[in-house]
C-alpha atoms as a PDB file:
ATOM      1  CA  MET A   1      72.098 120.293  95.180  1.00  0.00           C
ATOM      2  CA  THR A   2      72.811 116.568  95.197  1.00  0.00           C
ATOM      3  CA  LEU A   3      74.066 114.100  97.921  1.00  0.00           C
ATOM      4  CA  HIS A   4      77.525 114.163  98.832  1.00  0.00           C
ATOM      5  CA  LEU A   5      79.734 111.864 100.973  1.00  0.00           C
ATOM      6  CA  ARG A   6      82.560 112.957 103.155  1.00  0.00           C
ATOM      7  CA  PRO A   7      84.637 110.195 104.746  1.00  0.00           C
ATOM      8  CA  VAL A   8      84.846 110.858 108.722  1.00  0.00           C
ATOM      9  CA  HIS A   9      85.668 109.071 112.074  1.00  0.00           C
ATOM     10  CA  PHE A  10      89.058 107.690 110.649  1.00  0.00           C
ATOM     11  CA  VAL A  11      90.352 104.773 112.794  1.00  0.00           C
ATOM     12  CA  ASP A  12      93.886 103.547 113.388  1.00  0.00           C
ATOM     13  CA  THR A  13      93.292 100.051 112.057  1.00  0.00           C
ATOM     14  CA  PRO A  14      90.463  97.700 111.185  1.00  0.00           C
ATOM     15  CA  ILE A  15      91.877  94.859 113.310  1.00  0.00           C
ATOM     16  CA  GLY A  16      89.548  93.737 115.928  1.00  0.00           C
ATOM     17  CA  LEU A  17      86.597  95.901 114.622  1.00  0.00           C
ATOM     18  CA  PRO A  18      83.325  94.188 113.262  1.00  0.00           C
ATOM     19  CA  ASP A  19      83.108  93.241 109.692  1.00  0.00           C
ATOM     20  CA  GLY A  20      81.765  96.226 107.822  1.00  0.00           C
ATOM     21  CA  TYR A  21      82.438  98.513 110.598  1.00  0.00           C
ATOM     22  CA  ALA A  22      85.393 100.518 108.690  1.00  0.00           C
ATOM     23  CA  ALA A  23      86.155 100.943 104.883  1.00  0.00           C
ATOM     24  CA  ARG A  24      89.654 101.751 103.378  1.00  0.00           C
ATOM     25  CA  LEU A  25      89.917 105.012 101.637  1.00  0.00           C
ATOM     26  CA  ALA A  26      90.627 104.535  98.041  1.00  0.00           C
ATOM     27  CA  GLY A  27      92.794 101.533  98.794  1.00  0.00           C
ATOM     28  CA  GLY A  28      95.430 103.397 100.525  1.00  0.00           C
ATOM     29  CA  MET A  29      96.458 103.569 104.271  1.00  0.00           C
ATOM     30  CA  GLN A  30      93.476 105.328 105.964  1.00  0.00           C
ATOM     31  CA  TRP A  31      90.353 103.629 107.360  1.00  0.00           C
ATOM     32  CA  PHE A  32      87.243 105.217 108.145  1.00  0.00           C
ATOM     33  CA  ALA A  33      83.944 104.357 110.202  1.00  0.00           C
ATOM     34  CA  ALA A  34      81.166 106.737 108.920  1.00  0.00           C
ATOM     35  CA  TYR A  35      80.197 109.557 106.393  1.00  0.00           C
ATOM     36  CA  GLU A  36      79.105 113.048 106.683  1.00  0.00           C
ATOM     37  CA  VAL A  37      76.184 112.771 104.447  1.00  0.00           C
ATOM     38  CA  ILE A  38      75.765 116.295 102.799  1.00  0.00           C
ATOM     39  CA  ALA A  39      72.123 116.444 101.241  1.00  0.00           C
ATOM     40  CA  PRO A  40      69.664 119.212 100.556  1.00  0.00           C
ATOM     41  CA  GLU A  41      67.775 118.451 103.792  1.00  0.00           C
ATOM     42  CA  GLY A  42      70.975 119.134 105.734  1.00  0.00           C
ATOM     43  CA  ARG A  43      73.968 117.105 107.135  1.00  0.00           C
ATOM     44  CA  ARG A  44      74.249 114.247 109.339  1.00  0.00           C
ATOM     45  CA  ILE A  45      76.584 111.404 110.279  1.00  0.00           C
ATOM     46  CA  VAL A  46      75.918 107.767 108.947  1.00  0.00           C
ATOM     47  CA  PRO A  47      78.028 104.573 109.682  1.00  0.00           C
ATOM     48  CA  VAL A  48      79.825 103.166 106.674  1.00  0.00           C
ATOM     49  CA  ALA A  49      77.712  99.831 107.235  1.00  0.00           C
ATOM     50  CA  ASP A  50      74.532 101.756 106.688  1.00  0.00           C
ATOM     51  CA  ILE A  51      75.450 103.390 103.654  1.00  0.00           C
ATOM     52  CA  ALA A  52      73.478 101.241 101.466  1.00  0.00           C
ATOM     53  CA  SER A  53      70.077 102.543 102.709  1.00  0.00           C
ATOM     54  CA  LEU A  54      70.851 105.915 101.404  1.00  0.00           C
ATOM     55  CA  GLY A  55      70.143 104.892  97.848  1.00  0.00           C
ATOM     56  CA  PRO A  56      72.035 104.393  94.456  1.00  0.00           C
ATOM     57  CA  ARG A  57      73.892 107.845  94.493  1.00  0.00           C
ATOM     58  CA  ALA A  58      75.427 107.030  97.823  1.00  0.00           C
ATOM     59  CA  ALA A  59      76.293 103.382  96.773  1.00  0.00           C
ATOM     60  CA  ALA A  60      78.004 104.705  93.708  1.00  0.00           C
ATOM     61  CA  LEU A  61      79.972 107.371  95.660  1.00  0.00           C
ATOM     62  CA  HIS A  62      80.911 104.611  98.454  1.00  0.00           C
ATOM     63  CA  LEU A  63      82.171 102.265  95.546  1.00  0.00           C
ATOM     64  CA  ARG A  64      84.318 105.142  94.204  1.00  0.00           C
ATOM     65  CA  ILE A  65      85.717 106.159  97.629  1.00  0.00           C
ATOM     66  CA  THR A  66      86.819 103.073  98.634  1.00  0.00           C
ATOM     67  CA  ALA A  67      87.975 101.513  95.232  1.00  0.00           C
ATOM     68  CA  PRO A  68      91.727 101.299  94.863  1.00  0.00           C
ATOM     69  CA  ARG A  69      93.383 103.799  92.541  1.00  0.00           C
ATOM     70  CA  ALA A  70      95.112 101.973  89.487  1.00  0.00           C
ATOM     71  CA  PRO A  71      98.861 102.859  89.312  1.00  0.00           C
ATOM     72  CA  LEU A  72     100.002 105.212  86.988  1.00  0.00           C
ATOM     73  CA  VAL A  73     102.294 103.551  84.363  1.00  0.00           C
ATOM     74  CA  LEU A  74     104.803 106.042  82.874  1.00  0.00           C
ATOM     75  CA  GLY A  75     107.331 104.371  80.722  1.00  0.00           C
ATOM     76  CA  ALA A  76     109.605 102.214  82.520  1.00  0.00           C
ATOM     77  CA  ARG A  77     108.206 103.463  85.969  1.00  0.00           C
ATOM     78  CA  THR A  78     105.223 102.690  87.681  1.00  0.00           C
ATOM     79  CA  LEU A  79     103.901 104.879  90.715  1.00  0.00           C
ATOM     80  CA  ARG A  80     101.547 103.123  92.884  1.00  0.00           C
ATOM     81  CA  LEU A  81      98.985 105.343  94.376  1.00  0.00           C
ATOM     82  CA  ASP A  82      98.293 103.281  97.705  1.00  0.00           C
ATOM     83  CA  GLN A  83     100.382 105.655  99.544  1.00  0.00           C
ATOM     84  CA  PRO A  84     101.096 109.455  99.266  1.00  0.00           C
ATOM     85  CA  LEU A  85     103.944 110.428  96.741  1.00  0.00           C
ATOM     86  CA  VAL A  86     105.450 113.689  96.103  1.00  0.00           C
ATOM     87  CA  ALA A  87     105.593 115.747  92.852  1.00  0.00           C
ATOM     88  CA  GLY A  88     108.537 118.103  92.833  1.00  0.00           C
ATOM     89  CA  ILE A  89     107.807 121.539  91.235  1.00  0.00           C
ATOM     90  CA  LEU A  90     110.385 123.033  88.684  1.00  0.00           C
ATOM     91  CA  ASN A  91     109.761 125.885  87.131  1.00  0.00           C
ATOM     92  CA  VAL A  92     111.576 127.356  84.158  1.00  0.00           C
ATOM     93  CA  THR A  93     109.872 130.837  84.087  1.00  0.00           C
ATOM     94  CA  PRO A  94     111.162 134.341  85.287  1.00  0.00           C
ATOM     95  CA  ASP A  95     108.057 135.281  87.289  1.00  0.00           C
ATOM     96  CA  SER A  96     106.623 132.012  89.211  1.00  0.00           C
ATOM     97  CA  PHE A  97     105.598 133.314  92.826  1.00  0.00           C
ATOM     98  CA  SER A  98     108.072 131.122  94.434  1.00  0.00           C
ATOM     99  CA  ASP A  99     110.917 130.189  92.469  1.00  0.00           C
ATOM    100  CA  GLY A 100     110.650 132.318  89.236  1.00  0.00           C
ATOM    101  CA  GLY A 101     113.822 133.069  87.710  1.00  0.00           C
ATOM    102  CA  ARG A 102     115.895 130.468  89.285  1.00  0.00           C
ATOM    103  CA  HIS A 103     116.151 128.063  86.443  1.00  0.00           C
ATOM    104  CA  ALA A 104     115.268 130.397  83.668  1.00  0.00           C
ATOM    105  CA  ASP A 105     117.531 130.105  80.210  1.00  0.00           C
ATOM    106  CA  ASP A 106     119.298 127.452  81.466  1.00  0.00           C
ATOM    107  CA  PRO A 107     118.219 123.948  80.678  1.00  0.00           C
ATOM    108  CA  ALA A 108     120.801 122.055  81.977  1.00  0.00           C
ATOM    109  CA  ALA A 109     120.607 123.470  85.442  1.00  0.00           C
ATOM    110  CA  ALA A 110     117.029 123.151  85.448  1.00  0.00           C
ATOM    111  CA  ALA A 111     117.369 119.739  84.519  1.00  0.00           C
ATOM    112  CA  ALA A 112     119.866 118.915  87.031  1.00  0.00           C
ATOM    113  CA  ALA A 113     117.562 120.436  89.759  1.00  0.00           C
ATOM    114  CA  GLY A 114     114.871 117.830  88.760  1.00  0.00           C
ATOM    115  CA  VAL A 115     117.339 115.171  88.903  1.00  0.00           C
ATOM    116  CA  ASP A 116     118.048 116.282  92.343  1.00  0.00           C
ATOM    117  CA  MET A 117     114.446 116.330  93.431  1.00  0.00           C
ATOM    118  CA  ALA A 118     114.060 112.822  92.000  1.00  0.00           C
ATOM    119  CA  ALA A 119     117.068 111.647  93.994  1.00  0.00           C
ATOM    120  CA  ALA A 120     115.540 113.311  97.041  1.00  0.00           C
ATOM    121  CA  GLY A 121     112.514 111.272  96.804  1.00  0.00           C
ATOM    122  CA  ALA A 122     110.167 113.104  94.257  1.00  0.00           C
ATOM    123  CA  ALA A 123     108.170 110.549  92.248  1.00  0.00           C
ATOM    124  CA  LEU A 124     107.592 112.763  89.282  1.00  0.00           C
ATOM    125  CA  ILE A 125     108.981 116.185  88.423  1.00  0.00           C
ATOM    126  CA  ASP A 126     106.234 118.898  87.349  1.00  0.00           C
ATOM    127  CA  LEU A 127     107.635 121.246  84.961  1.00  0.00           C
ATOM    128  CA  GLY A 128     105.870 124.427  84.143  1.00  0.00           C
ATOM    129  CA  GLY A 129     107.049 127.313  81.748  1.00  0.00           C
ATOM    130  CA  GLU A 130     104.399 129.786  82.359  1.00  0.00           C
ATOM    131  CA  SER A 131     103.350 131.514  85.603  1.00  0.00           C
ATOM    132  CA  THR A 132      99.752 131.046  86.596  1.00  0.00           C
ATOM    133  CA  ARG A 133      99.887 133.482  89.715  1.00  0.00           C
ATOM    134  CA  PRO A 134      97.414 136.125  89.574  1.00  0.00           C
ATOM    135  CA  GLY A 135      98.309 138.869  87.245  1.00  0.00           C
ATOM    136  CA  ALA A 136     101.068 136.739  85.564  1.00  0.00           C
ATOM    137  CA  ALA A 137     101.732 137.848  81.914  1.00  0.00           C
ATOM    138  CA  ALA A 138     100.708 135.270  79.129  1.00  0.00           C
ATOM    139  CA  VAL A 139     103.344 133.537  77.357  1.00  0.00           C
ATOM    140  CA  TRP A 140     103.461 132.912  73.701  1.00  0.00           C
ATOM    141  CA  GLU A 141     103.409 129.262  73.002  1.00  0.00           C
ATOM    142  CA  GLY A 142     106.646 128.857  71.085  1.00  0.00           C
ATOM    143  CA  ASP A 143     108.506 130.732  73.986  1.00  0.00           C
ATOM    144  CA  GLU A 144     106.856 128.163  76.479  1.00  0.00           C
ATOM    145  CA  ILE A 145     108.032 125.276  74.261  1.00  0.00           C
ATOM    146  CA  ALA A 146     111.403 126.674  74.084  1.00  0.00           C
ATOM    147  CA  ARG A 147     111.714 126.908  77.610  1.00  0.00           C
ATOM    148  CA  VAL A 148     110.314 123.613  78.738  1.00  0.00           C
ATOM    149  CA  GLU A 149     111.226 121.132  75.667  1.00  0.00           C
ATOM    150  CA  PRO A 150     115.241 120.714  76.297  1.00  0.00           C
ATOM    151  CA  VAL A 151     114.487 120.366  80.043  1.00  0.00           C
ATOM    152  CA  VAL A 152     111.899 117.531  79.490  1.00  0.00           C
ATOM    153  CA  ARG A 153     114.589 115.852  76.872  1.00  0.00           C
ATOM    154  CA  ARG A 154     117.173 115.752  79.476  1.00  0.00           C
ATOM    155  CA  LEU A 155     115.088 114.617  82.484  1.00  0.00           C
ATOM    156  CA  ALA A 156     113.416 111.967  80.160  1.00  0.00           C
ATOM    157  CA  ALA A 157     116.918 110.667  79.359  1.00  0.00           C
ATOM    158  CA  SER A 158     117.970 110.586  82.916  1.00  0.00           C
ATOM    159  CA  GLY A 159     115.120 108.329  83.486  1.00  0.00           C
ATOM    160  CA  THR A 160     112.982 110.769  85.491  1.00  0.00           C
ATOM    161  CA  PRO A 161     109.138 110.770  85.125  1.00  0.00           C
ATOM    162  CA  VAL A 162     107.870 114.218  84.066  1.00  0.00           C
ATOM    163  CA  SER A 163     104.530 115.891  84.047  1.00  0.00           C
ATOM    164  CA  ILE A 164     104.221 119.141  81.900  1.00  0.00           C
ATOM    165  CA  ASP A 165     102.217 121.850  83.722  1.00  0.00           C
ATOM    166  CA  THR A 166     100.773 123.936  80.962  1.00  0.00           C
ATOM    167  CA  ARG A 167      97.225 125.084  79.287  1.00  0.00           C
ATOM    168  CA  LYS A 168      98.350 125.153  75.764  1.00  0.00           C
ATOM    169  CA  SER A 169      98.023 122.117  73.395  1.00  0.00           C
ATOM    170  CA  GLY A 170     100.958 122.811  71.388  1.00  0.00           C
ATOM    171  CA  VAL A 171     103.236 122.729  74.538  1.00  0.00           C
ATOM    172  CA  MET A 172     101.548 119.605  75.798  1.00  0.00           C
ATOM    173  CA  ALA A 173     102.171 117.989  72.404  1.00  0.00           C
ATOM    174  CA  ALA A 174     106.107 119.139  72.252  1.00  0.00           C
ATOM    175  CA  ALA A 175     106.527 117.821  75.826  1.00  0.00           C
ATOM    176  CA  LEU A 176     104.977 114.502  75.531  1.00  0.00           C
ATOM    177  CA  ALA A 177     107.024 113.930  72.208  1.00  0.00           C
ATOM    178  CA  ALA A 178     110.054 115.110  74.220  1.00  0.00           C
ATOM    179  CA  GLY A 179     109.305 112.444  76.808  1.00  0.00           C
ATOM    180  CA  ALA A 180     106.819 113.711  79.311  1.00  0.00           C
ATOM    181  CA  GLN A 181     104.527 111.481  80.568  1.00  0.00           C
ATOM    182  CA  VAL A 182     101.450 113.416  82.337  1.00  0.00           C
ATOM    183  CA  VAL A 183      99.685 116.598  81.476  1.00  0.00           C
ATOM    184  CA  ASN A 184      98.849 118.714  84.585  1.00  0.00           C
ATOM    185  CA  ASP A 185      96.492 121.654  83.331  1.00  0.00           C
ATOM    186  CA  VAL A 186      95.258 124.371  85.509  1.00  0.00           C
ATOM    187  CA  SER A 187      92.358 125.046  83.208  1.00  0.00           C
ATOM    188  CA  ALA A 188      91.170 121.084  83.148  1.00  0.00           C
ATOM    189  CA  LEU A 189      91.517 121.332  79.573  1.00  0.00           C
ATOM    190  CA  LEU A 190      89.227 124.104  78.980  1.00  0.00           C
ATOM    191  CA  TRP A 191      91.800 126.905  77.976  1.00  0.00           C
ATOM    192  CA  ASP A 192      92.786 125.533  74.673  1.00  0.00           C
ATOM    193  CA  GLU A 193      89.979 123.609  72.730  1.00  0.00           C
ATOM    194  CA  ALA A 194      92.635 121.512  71.286  1.00  0.00           C
ATOM    195  CA  ALA A 195      94.131 120.213  74.560  1.00  0.00           C
ATOM    196  CA  LEU A 196      91.532 117.239  75.144  1.00  0.00           C
ATOM    197  CA  ASP A 197      92.420 115.940  71.647  1.00  0.00           C
ATOM    198  CA  VAL A 198      96.309 116.017  72.636  1.00  0.00           C
ATOM    199  CA  VAL A 199      95.559 113.903  75.805  1.00  0.00           C
ATOM    200  CA  VAL A 200      93.308 111.637  74.117  1.00  0.00           C
ATOM    201  CA  HIS A 201      95.670 110.995  71.263  1.00  0.00           C
ATOM    202  CA  ALA A 202      98.840 110.482  73.771  1.00  0.00           C
ATOM    203  CA  ALA A 203      96.772 108.287  76.181  1.00  0.00           C
ATOM    204  CA  CYS A 204      98.547 109.805  79.045  1.00  0.00           C
ATOM    205  CA  PRO A 205      97.545 110.807  82.428  1.00  0.00           C
ATOM    206  CA  VAL A 206      96.200 114.012  83.024  1.00  0.00           C
ATOM    207  CA  VAL A 207      95.458 116.014  86.171  1.00  0.00           C
ATOM    208  CA  LEU A 208      92.308 118.486  85.818  1.00  0.00           C
ATOM    209  CA  MET A 209      92.372 121.353  88.370  1.00  0.00           C
ATOM    210  CA  HIS A 210      89.372 123.269  89.189  1.00  0.00           C
ATOM    211  CA  SER A 211      89.379 127.190  88.897  1.00  0.00           C
ATOM    212  CA  PRO A 212      86.164 129.371  88.649  1.00  0.00           C
ATOM    213  CA  ASP A 213      86.933 131.070  85.152  1.00  0.00           C
ATOM    214  CA  PRO A 214      89.617 128.458  83.395  1.00  0.00           C
ATOM    215  CA  GLN A 215      89.415 130.618  80.158  1.00  0.00           C
ATOM    216  CA  ALA A 216      90.402 133.742  81.786  1.00  0.00           C
ATOM    217  CA  GLY A 217      93.205 132.649  83.749  1.00  0.00           C
ATOM    218  CA  GLY A 218      91.429 131.051  87.114  1.00  0.00           C
ATOM    219  CA  HIS A 219      91.466 133.655  89.456  1.00  0.00           C
ATOM    220  CA  GLY A 220      88.007 135.115  89.314  1.00  0.00           C
ATOM    221  CA  ARG A 221      86.636 135.223  92.945  1.00  0.00           C
ATOM    222  CA  PRO A 222      83.062 133.903  93.158  1.00  0.00           C
ATOM    223  CA  ALA A 223      80.807 134.006  96.216  1.00  0.00           C
ATOM    224  CA  TYR A 224      80.495 130.077  97.104  1.00  0.00           C
ATOM    225  CA  ARG A 225      77.751 128.854  99.112  1.00  0.00           C
ATOM    226  CA  ASP A 226      79.489 125.693  99.988  1.00  0.00           C
ATOM    227  CA  VAL A 227      82.969 125.616  98.464  1.00  0.00           C
ATOM    228  CA  ALA A 228      83.644 121.895  98.740  1.00  0.00           C
ATOM    229  CA  THR A 229      80.440 120.737  97.036  1.00  0.00           C
ATOM    230  CA  GLU A 230      80.324 123.231  94.189  1.00  0.00           C
ATOM    231  CA  VAL A 231      84.034 122.387  93.402  1.00  0.00           C
ATOM    232  CA  PHE A 232      83.316 118.820  93.738  1.00  0.00           C
ATOM    233  CA  ASP A 233      80.312 119.046  91.177  1.00  0.00           C
ATOM    234  CA  TRP A 234      82.400 121.191  88.939  1.00  0.00           C
ATOM    235  CA  LEU A 235      85.051 118.584  88.642  1.00  0.00           C
ATOM    236  CA  GLU A 236      82.536 115.553  88.704  1.00  0.00           C
ATOM    237  CA  ALA A 237      81.068 117.189  85.557  1.00  0.00           C
ATOM    238  CA  ARG A 238      84.539 117.907  84.132  1.00  0.00           C
ATOM    239  CA  VAL A 239      85.671 114.381  84.842  1.00  0.00           C
ATOM    240  CA  ALA A 240      82.755 112.792  83.164  1.00  0.00           C
ATOM    241  CA  ALA A 241      83.357 115.028  80.004  1.00  0.00           C
ATOM    242  CA  VAL A 242      86.810 114.077  79.640  1.00  0.00           C
ATOM    243  CA  GLU A 243      86.047 110.243  80.369  1.00  0.00           C
ATOM    244  CA  ALA A 244      83.356 110.687  77.557  1.00  0.00           C
ATOM    245  CA  ALA A 245      85.841 111.983  75.495  1.00  0.00           C
ATOM    246  CA  GLY A 246      88.175 108.789  75.462  1.00  0.00           C
ATOM    247  CA  VAL A 247      90.172 109.218  78.639  1.00  0.00           C
ATOM    248  CA  PRO A 248      89.737 106.452  81.126  1.00  0.00           C
ATOM    249  CA  ARG A 249      88.874 107.413  84.644  1.00  0.00           C
ATOM    250  CA  ALA A 250      92.032 105.465  86.157  1.00  0.00           C
ATOM    251  CA  ARG A 251      94.285 108.040  84.149  1.00  0.00           C
ATOM    252  CA  ILE A 252      92.508 111.277  85.320  1.00  0.00           C
ATOM    253  CA  LEU A 253      93.658 113.044  88.384  1.00  0.00           C
ATOM    254  CA  ILE A 254      91.866 115.806  90.072  1.00  0.00           C
ATOM    255  CA  ASP A 255      93.156 118.820  92.021  1.00  0.00           C
ATOM    256  CA  PRO A 256      90.777 121.202  93.969  1.00  0.00           C
ATOM    257  CA  GLY A 257      92.762 124.191  92.823  1.00  0.00           C
ATOM    258  CA  ILE A 258      93.980 125.765  96.244  1.00  0.00           C
ATOM    259  CA  GLY A 259      94.640 129.476  95.807  1.00  0.00           C
ATOM    260  CA  PHE A 260      92.711 129.656  92.454  1.00  0.00           C
ATOM    261  CA  GLY A 261      89.710 131.708  92.895  1.00  0.00           C
ATOM    262  CA  LYS A 262      89.375 131.174  96.601  1.00  0.00           C
ATOM    263  CA  SER A 263      89.579 133.071  99.611  1.00  0.00           C
ATOM    264  CA  LEU A 264      91.466 132.173 102.641  1.00  0.00           C
ATOM    265  CA  ALA A 265      88.241 130.496 104.263  1.00  0.00           C
ATOM    266  CA  ASP A 266      87.499 128.719 101.140  1.00  0.00           C
ATOM    267  CA  ASN A 267      91.201 127.193 100.912  1.00  0.00           C
ATOM    268  CA  LEU A 268      90.694 126.131 104.667  1.00  0.00           C
ATOM    269  CA  ALA A 269      87.414 124.445 103.858  1.00  0.00           C
ATOM    270  CA  LEU A 270      88.788 122.781 100.858  1.00  0.00           C
ATOM    271  CA  VAL A 271      91.668 121.377 102.602  1.00  0.00           C
ATOM    272  CA  ASN A 272      89.300 120.100 105.611  1.00  0.00           C
ATOM    273  CA  ALA A 273      86.942 118.575 102.906  1.00  0.00           C
ATOM    274  CA  LEU A 274      89.381 116.473 100.937  1.00  0.00           C
ATOM    275  CA  PRO A 275      88.222 112.977 101.499  1.00  0.00           C
ATOM    276  CA  LEU A 276      85.015 114.368  99.997  1.00  0.00           C
ATOM    277  CA  PHE A 277      87.040 114.552  96.641  1.00  0.00           C
ATOM    278  CA  HIS A 278      87.525 110.657  96.633  1.00  0.00           C
ATOM    279  CA  GLY A 279      84.105 110.387  95.587  1.00  0.00           C
ATOM    280  CA  LEU A 280      85.135 111.464  92.137  1.00  0.00           C
ATOM    281  CA  GLY A 281      86.932 107.926  91.648  1.00  0.00           C
ATOM    282  CA  CYS A 282      90.245 109.649  90.805  1.00  0.00           C
ATOM    283  CA  ALA A 283      93.709 110.038  92.595  1.00  0.00           C
ATOM    284  CA  ILE A 284      93.871 113.447  93.912  1.00  0.00           C
ATOM    285  CA  MET A 285      96.780 115.851  93.441  1.00  0.00           C
ATOM    286  CA  LEU A 286      97.012 118.644  96.289  1.00  0.00           C
ATOM    287  CA  GLY A 287      99.103 121.833  95.256  1.00  0.00           C
ATOM    288  CA  ALA A 288      99.392 124.049  98.533  1.00  0.00           C
ATOM    289  CA  SER A 289     102.982 124.419  98.707  1.00  0.00           C
ATOM    290  CA  ARG A 290     104.165 127.885  99.816  1.00  0.00           C
ATOM    291  CA  LYS A 291     100.947 129.251  98.774  1.00  0.00           C
ATOM    292  CA  ARG A 292      99.380 132.687 100.147  1.00  0.00           C
ATOM    293  CA  MET A 293      97.092 131.125 102.380  1.00  0.00           C
ATOM    294  CA  ILE A 294     100.198 130.086 104.938  1.00  0.00           C
ATOM    295  CA  GLY A 295     101.193 133.632 104.957  1.00  0.00           C
ATOM    296  CA  ALA A 296      97.747 134.854 105.571  1.00  0.00           C
ATOM    297  CA  LEU A 297      97.940 132.674 108.719  1.00  0.00           C
ATOM    298  CA  ASP A 298     101.338 133.823 109.923  1.00  0.00           C
ATOM    299  CA  ASN A 299     101.818 137.194 109.721  1.00  0.00           C
ATOM    300  CA  GLU A 300     102.200 137.629 106.014  1.00  0.00           C
ATOM    301  CA  ALA A 301     105.081 135.506 106.103  1.00  0.00           C
ATOM    302  CA  PRO A 302     107.105 135.687 102.805  1.00  0.00           C
ATOM    303  CA  VAL A 303     107.223 132.870 100.285  1.00  0.00           C
ATOM    304  CA  GLU A 304     110.694 131.552 101.351  1.00  0.00           C
ATOM    305  CA  LYS A 305     109.395 131.396 105.154  1.00  0.00           C
ATOM    306  CA  ARG A 306     106.595 129.091 104.323  1.00  0.00           C
ATOM    307  CA  LEU A 307     108.153 125.690 104.649  1.00  0.00           C
ATOM    308  CA  GLY A 308     106.422 124.865 108.229  1.00  0.00           C
ATOM    309  CA  GLY A 309     102.988 125.474 106.512  1.00  0.00           C
ATOM    310  CA  SER A 310     104.064 123.739 103.731  1.00  0.00           C
ATOM    311  CA  ILE A 311     104.583 120.762 105.599  1.00  0.00           C
ATOM    312  CA  ALA A 312     101.615 120.885 107.841  1.00  0.00           C
ATOM    313  CA  LEU A 313      99.267 120.944 104.425  1.00  0.00           C
ATOM    314  CA  ALA A 314     101.073 118.210 103.044  1.00  0.00           C
ATOM    315  CA  LEU A 315     100.571 116.001 106.040  1.00  0.00           C
ATOM    316  CA  LYS A 316      97.060 117.051 106.358  1.00  0.00           C
ATOM    317  CA  GLY A 317      96.743 115.773 102.688  1.00  0.00           C
ATOM    318  CA  ALA A 318      98.388 112.606 103.632  1.00  0.00           C
ATOM    319  CA  GLU A 319      95.820 112.093 106.292  1.00  0.00           C
ATOM    320  CA  ALA A 320      92.988 112.630 103.854  1.00  0.00           C
ATOM    321  CA  GLY A 321      94.436 109.938 101.523  1.00  0.00           C
ATOM    322  CA  VAL A 322      95.811 112.499  98.975  1.00  0.00           C
ATOM    323  CA  GLN A 323      97.691 110.475  96.432  1.00  0.00           C
ATOM    324  CA  LEU A 324     100.233 113.164  94.944  1.00  0.00           C
ATOM    325  CA  ILE A 325     101.469 116.255  96.988  1.00  0.00           C
ATOM    326  CA  ARG A 326     103.100 118.742  94.894  1.00  0.00           C
ATOM    327  CA  VAL A 327     105.656 120.812  96.705  1.00  0.00           C
ATOM    328  CA  HIS A 328     108.655 123.036  96.259  1.00  0.00           C
ATOM    329  CA  ASP A 329     110.586 121.705  99.081  1.00  0.00           C
ATOM    330  CA  VAL A 330     110.957 117.969  98.333  1.00  0.00           C
ATOM    331  CA  ALA A 331     113.462 116.472 100.844  1.00  0.00           C
ATOM    332  CA  GLU A 332     111.796 118.073 103.780  1.00  0.00           C
ATOM    333  CA  THR A 333     108.292 116.949 102.640  1.00  0.00           C
ATOM    334  CA  VAL A 334     109.601 113.534 101.768  1.00  0.00           C
ATOM    335  CA  GLN A 335     111.172 113.218 105.373  1.00  0.00           C
ATOM    336  CA  ALA A 336     107.817 114.321 106.804  1.00  0.00           C
ATOM    337  CA  LEU A 337     105.935 111.504 104.764  1.00  0.00           C
ATOM    338  CA  LYS A 338     108.354 108.651 105.838  1.00  0.00           C
ATOM    339  CA  VAL A 339     107.720 109.814 109.564  1.00  0.00           C
ATOM    340  CA  TRP A 340     103.969 109.805 108.603  1.00  0.00           C
ATOM    341  CA  ARG A 341     104.083 106.518 106.985  1.00  0.00           C
ATOM    342  CA  GLY A 342     105.879 105.119 110.028  1.00  0.00           C
ATOM    343  CA  LEU A 343     103.244 106.152 112.460  1.00  0.00           C
ATOM    344  CA  ARG A 344     100.704 104.787 109.979  1.00  0.00           C
ATOM    345  CA  ASP A 345     102.576 101.393 109.423  1.00  0.00           C
ATOM    346  CA  ARG A 346     102.550 100.935 113.415  1.00  0.00           C
ATOM    347  CA  ALA A 347      98.894 101.848 113.844  1.00  0.00           C
ATOM    348  CA  LEU A 348      97.660  99.526 111.054  1.00  0.00           C
ATOM    349  CA  ALA A 349      99.522  96.787 112.944  1.00  0.00           C
ATOM    350  CA  GLY A 350      97.720  97.436 115.966  1.00  0.00           C
ATOM    351  CA  GLY A 351     100.144  99.472 117.837  1.00  0.00           C
END
């Protein structure tokens, strides 16, 4: 086990504090005064001002944790990553766990729903044509392209930024050619060996999500000793490999993969540990909307009754400095984040 740093001891504002007492988290709206140092010899709390004494690994992580994230330039739109943004989930599938079938076989209605999400405040529409829920049937690449390409074209024509949620290189290429600007791959470009080349050639941002067995669907259930640090290490190696292949780190986003090969306890631990993942030096996407962990904590509430839990997880992500929060309920989440933003603005001003 190598050394890891999790920002802790968050403070309302650096105003009035001694120089070096607090650091800004990823160039965003959160400030923190200490790290939980997770090392082979154990865990301890170290003030931010003392981090240089821990050696080069700690110094490198500290630089990544505090460095501002570069904005995402998506055609005519630029998404600044100094505050949490919402990505709206749009599925054109018959079997996705939450909204499967709602927009299947009707590209115009699907695109209209995406435009409505953007009007409600979504900065990005995340479009998927294959369900990744446990046990979902595989979709032939041609069918997936037929589902998503006409929706991408309509959204792009409306000026709505689109990410394509797929594991398949052919779907990525078709969607990017139709006007999508981001690739979101639950297999972190490992399911299809040609996917990395597509992303490198397109020079587009990519979201790399953790799952324990990406080539087998992502829903294996390993026994983690420390889920947060193990997911971090997996993503750290994957980011390094994708960067080495030609994708700048500024265009790589990471997703810890809530619900993919994790127990309820694992998912809760990952959400609590979200600040740790800023040590990868990448923007973070959190996808916890309507997921089973909410039902598991609320008497098995069905998917359509999980709005409250989804909002709670979105706000937890904002508190942890997450830059993109992927949700089904765009208007409600945007409103919650506006209130959160108002509170943060007032706190940062010293009030």
